[in-house]
Amino acid sequence: MKLTVFVLPIFTGLATGLIRYLIASGMSLVMSGMGTINFAQGTFYILGSLLTYSITRTLGLPFFAGVLVAFLVMFLLGAMTEFALRGVFGKDMTFSMLVTMGISYIVCDFMVYAFGNGLKTVSMPSFLKGIVKLGGGIVLPIYYVFAISISIAIALAFWIMFQKTKIGIYFRAIISDRDMVENLGINVQSMYTLMFMIGVGLAGLAGAISSPMMGVTPTAGLAAFNQIMPILIIGGMQNISGALPAALVIGVLEAIAAIFFPKFYNVVPYAFMIICMVFRPYGLFAKKVK
């Protein structure tokens, strides 16, 4: 088997992994800072895709306008969701999981009512259609090149925000010691709201970017949530920096497995997750907490 056979699957695996990273990083931020599991994150991802579909197909706006509007709507929806969850903050994660599970089903039913239950596809801009020809007969879809590039740019912006800005300093301080931050007079509740807005906004943005790459159904939220759980566990449940390498590793492994085991490739992330949970339950890319 020629090595060129692996190039396209690995490339698409990287694109898929980066899209999933955007979803997982937002969820990891909320988990790390607020101790809350957002079970609805996968549903918010699907909603971002369907909003892009509605804005481009129904309203006839350009694709990038659809992406921007979808992100802004999801960003604001994050604030509404955080407000609905305030009663479970500080309690066992089971409470937040059950409440966000309920939110997920409510949003899912709304999407079925608003968009129908059929498969929806979003047209990509004409200049992003087609392929790029490389040497040795290797071809890459232009849109996947774009998806990788924009996902890397968003991941870099998220890292800069988290590491280099005042908001990021507040976020990291809350993750380390919430009581200390409150004693300094910082409004922790407003920081919680912003965390959730960023987390849901990233999920919606991932859905908008991935919408031309695959068909979307309103009921696919649970499947999307299941796809990002291995990333969180392998990267470390409350380790934001571990989500990126975990997403890339899983994306590439899944793509290579699709070549050799096309009927079973989708079990690879979960098999890898189980192995990680047995030997490094705190995460493959996280440090062990003593």
C-alpha atoms as a PDB file:
ATOM      1  CA  MET A   1       0.000   0.000   0.000  1.00  0.00           C
ATOM      2  CA  LYS A   2       1.392   3.388  -1.052  1.00  0.00           C
ATOM      3  CA  LEU A   3       1.941   6.058   1.559  1.00  0.00           C
ATOM      4  CA  THR A   4      -0.053   8.506  -0.571  1.00  0.00           C
ATOM      5  CA  VAL A   5      -3.173   6.505   0.296  1.00  0.00           C
ATOM      6  CA  PHE A   6      -2.899   7.803   3.853  1.00  0.00           C
ATOM      7  CA  VAL A   7      -2.522  11.496   2.997  1.00  0.00           C
ATOM      8  CA  LEU A   8      -6.166  12.371   2.297  1.00  0.00           C
ATOM      9  CA  PRO A   9      -7.624  10.364   5.222  1.00  0.00           C
ATOM     10  CA  ILE A  10      -5.093  11.872   7.641  1.00  0.00           C
ATOM     11  CA  PHE A  11      -5.818  15.339   6.272  1.00  0.00           C
ATOM     12  CA  THR A  12      -9.575  14.906   6.696  1.00  0.00           C
ATOM     13  CA  GLY A  13      -8.925  13.393  10.136  1.00  0.00           C
ATOM     14  CA  LEU A  14      -7.026  16.526  11.145  1.00  0.00           C
ATOM     15  CA  ALA A  15      -9.920  18.684   9.929  1.00  0.00           C
ATOM     16  CA  THR A  16     -12.429  16.596  11.859  1.00  0.00           C
ATOM     17  CA  GLY A  17     -10.218  16.594  14.946  1.00  0.00           C
ATOM     18  CA  LEU A  18      -9.857  20.379  14.918  1.00  0.00           C
ATOM     19  CA  ILE A  19     -13.622  20.873  14.566  1.00  0.00           C
ATOM     20  CA  ARG A  20     -14.180  18.570  17.520  1.00  0.00           C
ATOM     21  CA  TYR A  21     -11.509  20.437  19.446  1.00  0.00           C
ATOM     22  CA  LEU A  22     -13.505  23.648  19.158  1.00  0.00           C
ATOM     23  CA  ILE A  23     -16.507  21.907  20.703  1.00  0.00           C
ATOM     24  CA  ALA A  24     -14.459  20.161  23.385  1.00  0.00           C
ATOM     25  CA  SER A  25     -12.428  23.236  24.364  1.00  0.00           C
ATOM     26  CA  GLY A  26     -15.579  25.196  25.148  1.00  0.00           C
ATOM     27  CA  MET A  27     -16.908  22.323  27.211  1.00  0.00           C
ATOM     28  CA  SER A  28     -13.568  21.918  28.996  1.00  0.00           C
ATOM     29  CA  LEU A  29     -13.523  25.635  29.881  1.00  0.00           C
ATOM     30  CA  VAL A  30     -16.943  25.352  31.529  1.00  0.00           C
ATOM     31  CA  MET A  31     -16.012  22.143  33.337  1.00  0.00           C
ATOM     32  CA  SER A  32     -12.710  23.540  34.611  1.00  0.00           C
ATOM     33  CA  GLY A  33     -14.026  26.890  35.755  1.00  0.00           C
ATOM     34  CA  MET A  34     -17.540  26.060  36.883  1.00  0.00           C
ATOM     35  CA  GLY A  35     -17.482  22.365  37.738  1.00  0.00           C
ATOM     36  CA  THR A  36     -20.402  21.898  35.355  1.00  0.00           C
ATOM     37  CA  ILE A  37     -20.873  19.261  32.660  1.00  0.00           C
ATOM     38  CA  ASN A  38     -22.692  20.790  29.701  1.00  0.00           C
ATOM     39  CA  PHE A  39     -24.463  17.773  28.239  1.00  0.00           C
ATOM     40  CA  ALA A  40     -26.081  20.066  25.654  1.00  0.00           C
ATOM     41  CA  GLN A  41     -22.767  20.989  23.995  1.00  0.00           C
ATOM     42  CA  GLY A  42     -23.309  18.558  21.120  1.00  0.00           C
ATOM     43  CA  THR A  43     -26.824  19.903  20.550  1.00  0.00           C
ATOM     44  CA  PHE A  44     -25.494  23.470  20.481  1.00  0.00           C
ATOM     45  CA  TYR A  45     -23.006  22.340  17.839  1.00  0.00           C
ATOM     46  CA  ILE A  46     -25.852  21.018  15.685  1.00  0.00           C
ATOM     47  CA  LEU A  47     -27.866  24.189  16.271  1.00  0.00           C
ATOM     48  CA  GLY A  48     -24.939  26.237  14.969  1.00  0.00           C
ATOM     49  CA  SER A  49     -25.007  24.175  11.767  1.00  0.00           C
ATOM     50  CA  LEU A  50     -28.769  24.534  11.347  1.00  0.00           C
ATOM     51  CA  LEU A  51     -28.665  28.277  11.975  1.00  0.00           C
ATOM     52  CA  THR A  52     -26.064  28.571   9.219  1.00  0.00           C
ATOM     53  CA  TYR A  53     -28.328  26.504   6.962  1.00  0.00           C
ATOM     54  CA  SER A  54     -31.330  28.711   7.723  1.00  0.00           C
ATOM     55  CA  ILE A  55     -29.426  31.978   7.272  1.00  0.00           C
ATOM     56  CA  THR A  56     -27.873  30.946   3.949  1.00  0.00           C
ATOM     57  CA  ARG A  57     -30.787  28.997   2.456  1.00  0.00           C
ATOM     58  CA  THR A  58     -33.843  30.769   3.839  1.00  0.00           C
ATOM     59  CA  LEU A  59     -32.546  34.338   4.110  1.00  0.00           C
ATOM     60  CA  GLY A  60     -30.147  34.028   1.190  1.00  0.00           C
ATOM     61  CA  LEU A  61     -27.216  35.629   3.014  1.00  0.00           C
ATOM     62  CA  PRO A  62     -23.588  34.719   2.129  1.00  0.00           C
ATOM     63  CA  PHE A  63     -21.991  31.780   3.880  1.00  0.00           C
ATOM     64  CA  PHE A  64     -19.633  33.845   6.019  1.00  0.00           C
ATOM     65  CA  ALA A  65     -22.501  36.069   7.135  1.00  0.00           C
ATOM     66  CA  GLY A  66     -24.286  32.886   8.206  1.00  0.00           C
ATOM     67  CA  VAL A  67     -21.238  31.749  10.172  1.00  0.00           C
ATOM     68  CA  LEU A  68     -20.955  35.110  11.938  1.00  0.00           C
ATOM     69  CA  VAL A  69     -24.656  35.351  12.795  1.00  0.00           C
ATOM     70  CA  ALA A  70     -24.737  31.728  13.986  1.00  0.00           C
ATOM     71  CA  PHE A  71     -21.780  32.388  16.293  1.00  0.00           C
ATOM     72  CA  LEU A  72     -23.347  35.549  17.734  1.00  0.00           C
ATOM     73  CA  VAL A  73     -26.693  33.823  18.336  1.00  0.00           C
ATOM     74  CA  MET A  74     -24.995  30.891  20.054  1.00  0.00           C
ATOM     75  CA  PHE A  75     -22.805  33.261  22.077  1.00  0.00           C
ATOM     76  CA  LEU A  76     -25.929  34.961  23.442  1.00  0.00           C
ATOM     77  CA  LEU A  77     -27.667  31.626  23.945  1.00  0.00           C
ATOM     78  CA  GLY A  78     -24.758  30.702  26.208  1.00  0.00           C
ATOM     79  CA  ALA A  79     -25.717  33.544  28.559  1.00  0.00           C
ATOM     80  CA  MET A  80     -29.323  32.323  28.677  1.00  0.00           C
ATOM     81  CA  THR A  81     -28.199  28.770  29.390  1.00  0.00           C
ATOM     82  CA  GLU A  82     -25.864  29.880  32.169  1.00  0.00           C
ATOM     83  CA  PHE A  83     -28.705  31.820  33.789  1.00  0.00           C
ATOM     84  CA  ALA A  84     -30.897  28.696  33.694  1.00  0.00           C
ATOM     85  CA  LEU A  85     -28.121  26.678  35.365  1.00  0.00           C
ATOM     86  CA  ARG A  86     -27.334  28.976  38.289  1.00  0.00           C
ATOM     87  CA  GLY A  87     -29.365  26.857  40.677  1.00  0.00           C
ATOM     88  CA  VAL A  88     -27.048  23.856  40.199  1.00  0.00           C
ATOM     89  CA  PHE A  89     -23.664  25.612  40.435  1.00  0.00           C
ATOM     90  CA  GLY A  90     -21.629  24.357  43.356  1.00  0.00           C
ATOM     91  CA  LYS A  91     -23.553  21.104  43.546  1.00  0.00           C
ATOM     92  CA  ASP A  92     -22.547  17.646  42.360  1.00  0.00           C
ATOM     93  CA  MET A  93     -21.840  17.464  38.615  1.00  0.00           C
ATOM     94  CA  THR A  94     -24.748  15.024  38.287  1.00  0.00           C
ATOM     95  CA  PHE A  95     -27.189  17.896  38.805  1.00  0.00           C
ATOM     96  CA  SER A  96     -25.717  19.986  36.002  1.00  0.00           C
ATOM     97  CA  MET A  97     -25.533  16.956  33.727  1.00  0.00           C
ATOM     98  CA  LEU A  98     -29.233  16.184  34.246  1.00  0.00           C
ATOM     99  CA  VAL A  99     -30.313  19.812  33.796  1.00  0.00           C
ATOM    100  CA  THR A 100     -28.254  20.289  30.627  1.00  0.00           C
ATOM    101  CA  MET A 101     -29.537  16.947  29.371  1.00  0.00           C
ATOM    102  CA  GLY A 102     -33.036  18.366  29.712  1.00  0.00           C
ATOM    103  CA  ILE A 103     -31.958  21.535  27.899  1.00  0.00           C
ATOM    104  CA  SER A 104     -30.477  19.374  25.155  1.00  0.00           C
ATOM    105  CA  TYR A 105     -33.764  17.555  24.561  1.00  0.00           C
ATOM    106  CA  ILE A 106     -35.739  20.811  24.607  1.00  0.00           C
ATOM    107  CA  VAL A 107     -33.417  22.409  22.035  1.00  0.00           C
ATOM    108  CA  CYS A 108     -33.493  19.210  19.958  1.00  0.00           C
ATOM    109  CA  ASP A 109     -37.316  19.217  19.863  1.00  0.00           C
ATOM    110  CA  PHE A 110     -37.252  22.901  18.927  1.00  0.00           C
ATOM    111  CA  MET A 111     -34.862  22.164  16.038  1.00  0.00           C
ATOM    112  CA  VAL A 112     -37.068  19.327  14.769  1.00  0.00           C
ATOM    113  CA  TYR A 113     -40.084  21.654  14.879  1.00  0.00           C
ATOM    114  CA  ALA A 114     -38.249  24.540  13.198  1.00  0.00           C
ATOM    115  CA  PHE A 115     -36.168  22.684  10.602  1.00  0.00           C
ATOM    116  CA  GLY A 116     -37.891  19.324  10.160  1.00  0.00           C
ATOM    117  CA  ASN A 117     -36.295  15.948  10.728  1.00  0.00           C
ATOM    118  CA  GLY A 118     -34.580  15.542   7.372  1.00  0.00           C
ATOM    119  CA  LEU A 119     -30.943  15.901   6.359  1.00  0.00           C
ATOM    120  CA  LYS A 120     -29.842  19.492   5.751  1.00  0.00           C
ATOM    121  CA  THR A 121     -26.824  20.541   3.697  1.00  0.00           C
ATOM    122  CA  VAL A 122     -25.132  23.932   3.449  1.00  0.00           C
ATOM    123  CA  SER A 123     -23.543  25.125   0.223  1.00  0.00           C
ATOM    124  CA  MET A 124     -19.969  26.298   0.519  1.00  0.00           C
ATOM    125  CA  PRO A 125     -18.717  29.461  -1.216  1.00  0.00           C
ATOM    126  CA  SER A 126     -17.771  28.863  -4.837  1.00  0.00           C
ATOM    127  CA  PHE A 127     -14.116  29.841  -4.256  1.00  0.00           C
ATOM    128  CA  LEU A 128     -13.802  27.123  -1.610  1.00  0.00           C
ATOM    129  CA  LYS A 129     -15.065  24.362  -3.892  1.00  0.00           C
ATOM    130  CA  GLY A 130     -12.791  22.033  -5.784  1.00  0.00           C
ATOM    131  CA  ILE A 131      -9.461  20.473  -4.933  1.00  0.00           C
ATOM    132  CA  VAL A 132      -5.802  21.333  -4.558  1.00  0.00           C
ATOM    133  CA  LYS A 133      -3.454  19.073  -6.538  1.00  0.00           C
ATOM    134  CA  LEU A 134      -0.151  18.189  -4.940  1.00  0.00           C
ATOM    135  CA  GLY A 135       2.677  16.059  -6.216  1.00  0.00           C
ATOM    136  CA  GLY A 136       2.378  12.291  -6.478  1.00  0.00           C
ATOM    137  CA  GLY A 137      -1.301  12.355  -7.368  1.00  0.00           C
ATOM    138  CA  ILE A 138      -2.328  13.725  -3.975  1.00  0.00           C
ATOM    139  CA  VAL A 139      -5.460  15.902  -3.995  1.00  0.00           C
ATOM    140  CA  LEU A 140      -6.928  17.814  -1.074  1.00  0.00           C
ATOM    141  CA  PRO A 141     -10.387  19.423  -0.891  1.00  0.00           C
ATOM    142  CA  ILE A 142     -10.047  23.198  -0.730  1.00  0.00           C
ATOM    143  CA  TYR A 143     -12.768  23.522   1.893  1.00  0.00           C
ATOM    144  CA  TYR A 144     -10.933  21.143   4.214  1.00  0.00           C
ATOM    145  CA  VAL A 145      -7.810  23.292   3.841  1.00  0.00           C
ATOM    146  CA  PHE A 146      -9.952  26.277   4.835  1.00  0.00           C
ATOM    147  CA  ALA A 147     -11.565  24.395   7.755  1.00  0.00           C
ATOM    148  CA  ILE A 148      -8.146  23.423   9.131  1.00  0.00           C
ATOM    149  CA  SER A 149      -6.774  26.947   8.693  1.00  0.00           C
ATOM    150  CA  ILE A 150      -9.724  28.735  10.328  1.00  0.00           C
ATOM    151  CA  SER A 151      -9.888  26.166  13.152  1.00  0.00           C
ATOM    152  CA  ILE A 152      -6.184  26.690  13.900  1.00  0.00           C
ATOM    153  CA  ALA A 153      -6.737  30.466  13.878  1.00  0.00           C
ATOM    154  CA  ILE A 154      -9.655  30.147  16.318  1.00  0.00           C
ATOM    155  CA  ALA A 155      -7.671  27.777  18.543  1.00  0.00           C
ATOM    156  CA  LEU A 156      -4.778  30.275  18.565  1.00  0.00           C
ATOM    157  CA  ALA A 157      -7.139  33.144  19.416  1.00  0.00           C
ATOM    158  CA  PHE A 158      -8.632  31.069  22.239  1.00  0.00           C
ATOM    159  CA  TRP A 159      -5.134  30.327  23.596  1.00  0.00           C
ATOM    160  CA  ILE A 160      -4.139  34.013  23.438  1.00  0.00           C
ATOM    161  CA  MET A 161      -7.345  34.991  25.234  1.00  0.00           C
ATOM    162  CA  PHE A 162      -6.784  32.385  27.925  1.00  0.00           C
ATOM    163  CA  GLN A 163      -3.074  33.004  28.451  1.00  0.00           C
ATOM    164  CA  LYS A 164      -2.415  36.658  27.604  1.00  0.00           C
ATOM    165  CA  THR A 165      -5.509  38.739  28.413  1.00  0.00           C
ATOM    166  CA  LYS A 166      -6.988  40.019  31.665  1.00  0.00           C
ATOM    167  CA  ILE A 167     -10.105  37.910  31.126  1.00  0.00           C
ATOM    168  CA  GLY A 168      -7.918  34.855  30.686  1.00  0.00           C
ATOM    169  CA  ILE A 169      -6.078  35.684  33.907  1.00  0.00           C
ATOM    170  CA  TYR A 170      -9.426  35.861  35.707  1.00  0.00           C
ATOM    171  CA  PHE A 171     -10.483  32.548  34.185  1.00  0.00           C
ATOM    172  CA  ARG A 172      -7.282  30.815  35.262  1.00  0.00           C
ATOM    173  CA  ALA A 173      -7.529  32.311  38.727  1.00  0.00           C
ATOM    174  CA  ILE A 174     -11.116  31.065  39.121  1.00  0.00           C
ATOM    175  CA  ILE A 175     -10.044  27.602  38.005  1.00  0.00           C
ATOM    176  CA  SER A 176      -7.244  27.617  40.596  1.00  0.00           C
ATOM    177  CA  ASP A 177      -8.998  29.262  43.558  1.00  0.00           C
ATOM    178  CA  ARG A 178     -12.482  30.724  43.241  1.00  0.00           C
ATOM    179  CA  ASP A 179     -12.640  31.939  46.860  1.00  0.00           C
ATOM    180  CA  MET A 180      -9.438  33.922  46.451  1.00  0.00           C
ATOM    181  CA  VAL A 181     -10.828  35.601  43.326  1.00  0.00           C
ATOM    182  CA  GLU A 182     -14.034  36.560  45.131  1.00  0.00           C
ATOM    183  CA  ASN A 183     -12.012  38.040  47.999  1.00  0.00           C
ATOM    184  CA  LEU A 184     -10.236  40.263  45.481  1.00  0.00           C
ATOM    185  CA  GLY A 185     -13.572  41.816  44.562  1.00  0.00           C
ATOM    186  CA  ILE A 186     -13.888  40.253  41.105  1.00  0.00           C
ATOM    187  CA  ASN A 187     -17.440  39.428  40.018  1.00  0.00           C
ATOM    188  CA  VAL A 188     -17.122  35.662  39.648  1.00  0.00           C
ATOM    189  CA  GLN A 189     -20.725  35.313  38.467  1.00  0.00           C
ATOM    190  CA  SER A 190     -20.088  37.551  35.462  1.00  0.00           C
ATOM    191  CA  MET A 191     -16.989  35.494  34.669  1.00  0.00           C
ATOM    192  CA  TYR A 192     -19.121  32.336  34.816  1.00  0.00           C
ATOM    193  CA  THR A 193     -21.536  33.882  32.348  1.00  0.00           C
ATOM    194  CA  LEU A 194     -18.703  34.786  29.987  1.00  0.00           C
ATOM    195  CA  MET A 195     -17.214  31.285  30.287  1.00  0.00           C
ATOM    196  CA  PHE A 196     -20.498  29.729  29.279  1.00  0.00           C
ATOM    197  CA  MET A 197     -20.999  32.199  26.434  1.00  0.00           C
ATOM    198  CA  ILE A 198     -17.554  31.370  25.041  1.00  0.00           C
ATOM    199  CA  GLY A 199     -18.136  27.630  25.483  1.00  0.00           C
ATOM    200  CA  VAL A 200     -21.490  27.611  23.681  1.00  0.00           C
ATOM    201  CA  GLY A 201     -20.230  30.110  21.096  1.00  0.00           C
ATOM    202  CA  LEU A 202     -17.322  27.820  20.187  1.00  0.00           C
ATOM    203  CA  ALA A 203     -19.716  24.888  19.759  1.00  0.00           C
ATOM    204  CA  GLY A 204     -21.951  26.944  17.471  1.00  0.00           C
ATOM    205  CA  LEU A 205     -18.959  28.221  15.511  1.00  0.00           C
ATOM    206  CA  ALA A 206     -17.703  24.651  15.037  1.00  0.00           C
ATOM    207  CA  GLY A 207     -21.142  23.679  13.737  1.00  0.00           C
ATOM    208  CA  ALA A 208     -21.198  26.603  11.321  1.00  0.00           C
ATOM    209  CA  ILE A 209     -17.731  25.816   9.931  1.00  0.00           C
ATOM    210  CA  SER A 210     -18.427  22.092   9.561  1.00  0.00           C
ATOM    211  CA  SER A 211     -21.896  22.544   8.005  1.00  0.00           C
ATOM    212  CA  PRO A 212     -20.715  22.341   4.350  1.00  0.00           C
ATOM    213  CA  MET A 213     -18.565  19.286   5.134  1.00  0.00           C
ATOM    214  CA  MET A 214     -21.422  16.971   6.119  1.00  0.00           C
ATOM    215  CA  GLY A 215     -25.188  16.784   6.234  1.00  0.00           C
ATOM    216  CA  VAL A 216     -26.869  17.778   9.475  1.00  0.00           C
ATOM    217  CA  THR A 217     -29.948  16.383  11.192  1.00  0.00           C
ATOM    218  CA  PRO A 218     -31.589  18.053  14.225  1.00  0.00           C
ATOM    219  CA  THR A 219     -31.383  14.852  16.269  1.00  0.00           C
ATOM    220  CA  ALA A 220     -27.595  14.380  15.870  1.00  0.00           C
ATOM    221  CA  GLY A 221     -26.701  16.279  19.046  1.00  0.00           C
ATOM    222  CA  LEU A 222     -26.256  13.189  21.214  1.00  0.00           C
ATOM    223  CA  ALA A 223     -23.958  11.604  18.629  1.00  0.00           C
ATOM    224  CA  ALA A 224     -21.900  14.817  18.525  1.00  0.00           C
ATOM    225  CA  PHE A 225     -21.650  14.832  22.322  1.00  0.00           C
ATOM    226  CA  ASN A 226     -20.482  11.208  22.275  1.00  0.00           C
ATOM    227  CA  GLN A 227     -17.759  12.112  19.779  1.00  0.00           C
ATOM    228  CA  ILE A 228     -16.209  14.764  22.020  1.00  0.00           C
ATOM    229  CA  MET A 229     -16.278  12.767  25.268  1.00  0.00           C
ATOM    230  CA  PRO A 230     -13.187  10.705  24.320  1.00  0.00           C
ATOM    231  CA  ILE A 231     -11.354  13.976  23.660  1.00  0.00           C
ATOM    232  CA  LEU A 232     -12.184  15.302  27.112  1.00  0.00           C
ATOM    233  CA  ILE A 233     -11.250  12.073  28.869  1.00  0.00           C
ATOM    234  CA  ILE A 234      -8.032  11.478  26.922  1.00  0.00           C
ATOM    235  CA  GLY A 235      -7.002  15.128  27.160  1.00  0.00           C
ATOM    236  CA  GLY A 236      -7.964  15.344  30.834  1.00  0.00           C
ATOM    237  CA  MET A 237     -11.469  16.168  32.040  1.00  0.00           C
ATOM    238  CA  GLN A 238     -10.457  19.576  33.425  1.00  0.00           C
ATOM    239  CA  ASN A 239      -7.323  20.148  31.366  1.00  0.00           C
ATOM    240  CA  ILE A 240      -8.073  22.725  28.670  1.00  0.00           C
ATOM    241  CA  SER A 241      -4.634  22.465  27.040  1.00  0.00           C
ATOM    242  CA  GLY A 242      -5.007  18.695  26.612  1.00  0.00           C
ATOM    243  CA  ALA A 243      -8.078  18.940  24.387  1.00  0.00           C
ATOM    244  CA  LEU A 244      -6.129  19.941  21.252  1.00  0.00           C
ATOM    245  CA  PRO A 245      -3.581  17.075  21.121  1.00  0.00           C
ATOM    246  CA  ALA A 246      -6.303  14.613  22.131  1.00  0.00           C
ATOM    247  CA  ALA A 247      -8.586  15.804  19.319  1.00  0.00           C
ATOM    248  CA  LEU A 248      -5.801  15.577  16.725  1.00  0.00           C
ATOM    249  CA  VAL A 249      -4.707  12.105  17.859  1.00  0.00           C
ATOM    250  CA  ILE A 250      -8.266  10.784  17.797  1.00  0.00           C
ATOM    251  CA  GLY A 251      -9.007  12.384  14.423  1.00  0.00           C
ATOM    252  CA  VAL A 252      -5.940  10.813  12.802  1.00  0.00           C
ATOM    253  CA  LEU A 253      -6.435   7.409  14.444  1.00  0.00           C
ATOM    254  CA  GLU A 254     -10.047   7.322  13.316  1.00  0.00           C
ATOM    255  CA  ALA A 255      -9.055   8.267   9.762  1.00  0.00           C
ATOM    256  CA  ILE A 256      -6.375   5.562   9.550  1.00  0.00           C
ATOM    257  CA  ALA A 257      -8.718   2.985  11.084  1.00  0.00           C
ATOM    258  CA  ALA A 258     -11.264   3.808   8.368  1.00  0.00           C
ATOM    259  CA  ILE A 259      -8.770   2.518   5.783  1.00  0.00           C
ATOM    260  CA  PHE A 260      -8.112  -0.827   7.454  1.00  0.00           C
ATOM    261  CA  PHE A 261     -11.365  -1.379   9.366  1.00  0.00           C
ATOM    262  CA  PRO A 262     -14.060   0.591   7.518  1.00  0.00           C
ATOM    263  CA  LYS A 263     -16.893  -1.120   9.396  1.00  0.00           C
ATOM    264  CA  PHE A 264     -15.444  -0.530  12.847  1.00  0.00           C
ATOM    265  CA  TYR A 265     -13.428   2.683  12.595  1.00  0.00           C
ATOM    266  CA  ASN A 266     -15.881   4.626  14.750  1.00  0.00           C
ATOM    267  CA  VAL A 267     -15.137   2.442  17.789  1.00  0.00           C
ATOM    268  CA  VAL A 268     -11.434   3.382  17.783  1.00  0.00           C
ATOM    269  CA  PRO A 269     -11.846   6.613  19.836  1.00  0.00           C
ATOM    270  CA  TYR A 270     -13.784   4.734  22.520  1.00  0.00           C
ATOM    271  CA  ALA A 271     -11.343   1.836  22.618  1.00  0.00           C
ATOM    272  CA  PHE A 272      -8.487   4.322  23.001  1.00  0.00           C
ATOM    273  CA  MET A 273     -10.502   6.150  25.675  1.00  0.00           C
ATOM    274  CA  ILE A 274     -11.009   2.930  27.672  1.00  0.00           C
ATOM    275  CA  ILE A 275      -7.277   2.124  27.525  1.00  0.00           C
ATOM    276  CA  CYS A 276      -6.515   5.650  28.710  1.00  0.00           C
ATOM    277  CA  MET A 277      -9.008   5.382  31.572  1.00  0.00           C
ATOM    278  CA  VAL A 278      -7.371   2.143  32.736  1.00  0.00           C
ATOM    279  CA  PHE A 279      -3.745   3.295  32.635  1.00  0.00           C
ATOM    280  CA  ARG A 280      -4.015   7.111  32.907  1.00  0.00           C
ATOM    281  CA  PRO A 281      -7.463   7.921  34.326  1.00  0.00           C
ATOM    282  CA  TYR A 282      -6.475  11.566  34.832  1.00  0.00           C
ATOM    283  CA  GLY A 283      -5.834  11.950  31.078  1.00  0.00           C
ATOM    284  CA  LEU A 284      -3.093  11.159  28.601  1.00  0.00           C
ATOM    285  CA  PHE A 285      -2.162  14.831  28.251  1.00  0.00           C
ATOM    286  CA  ALA A 286      -2.776  15.907  31.843  1.00  0.00           C
ATOM    287  CA  LYS A 287      -0.525  15.846  34.864  1.00  0.00           C
ATOM    288  CA  LYS A 288      -1.449  13.602  37.748  1.00  0.00           C
ATOM    289  CA  VAL A 289      -2.925  15.569  40.621  1.00  0.00           C
ATOM    290  CA  LYS A 290      -1.439  14.486  43.943  1.00  0.00           C
END
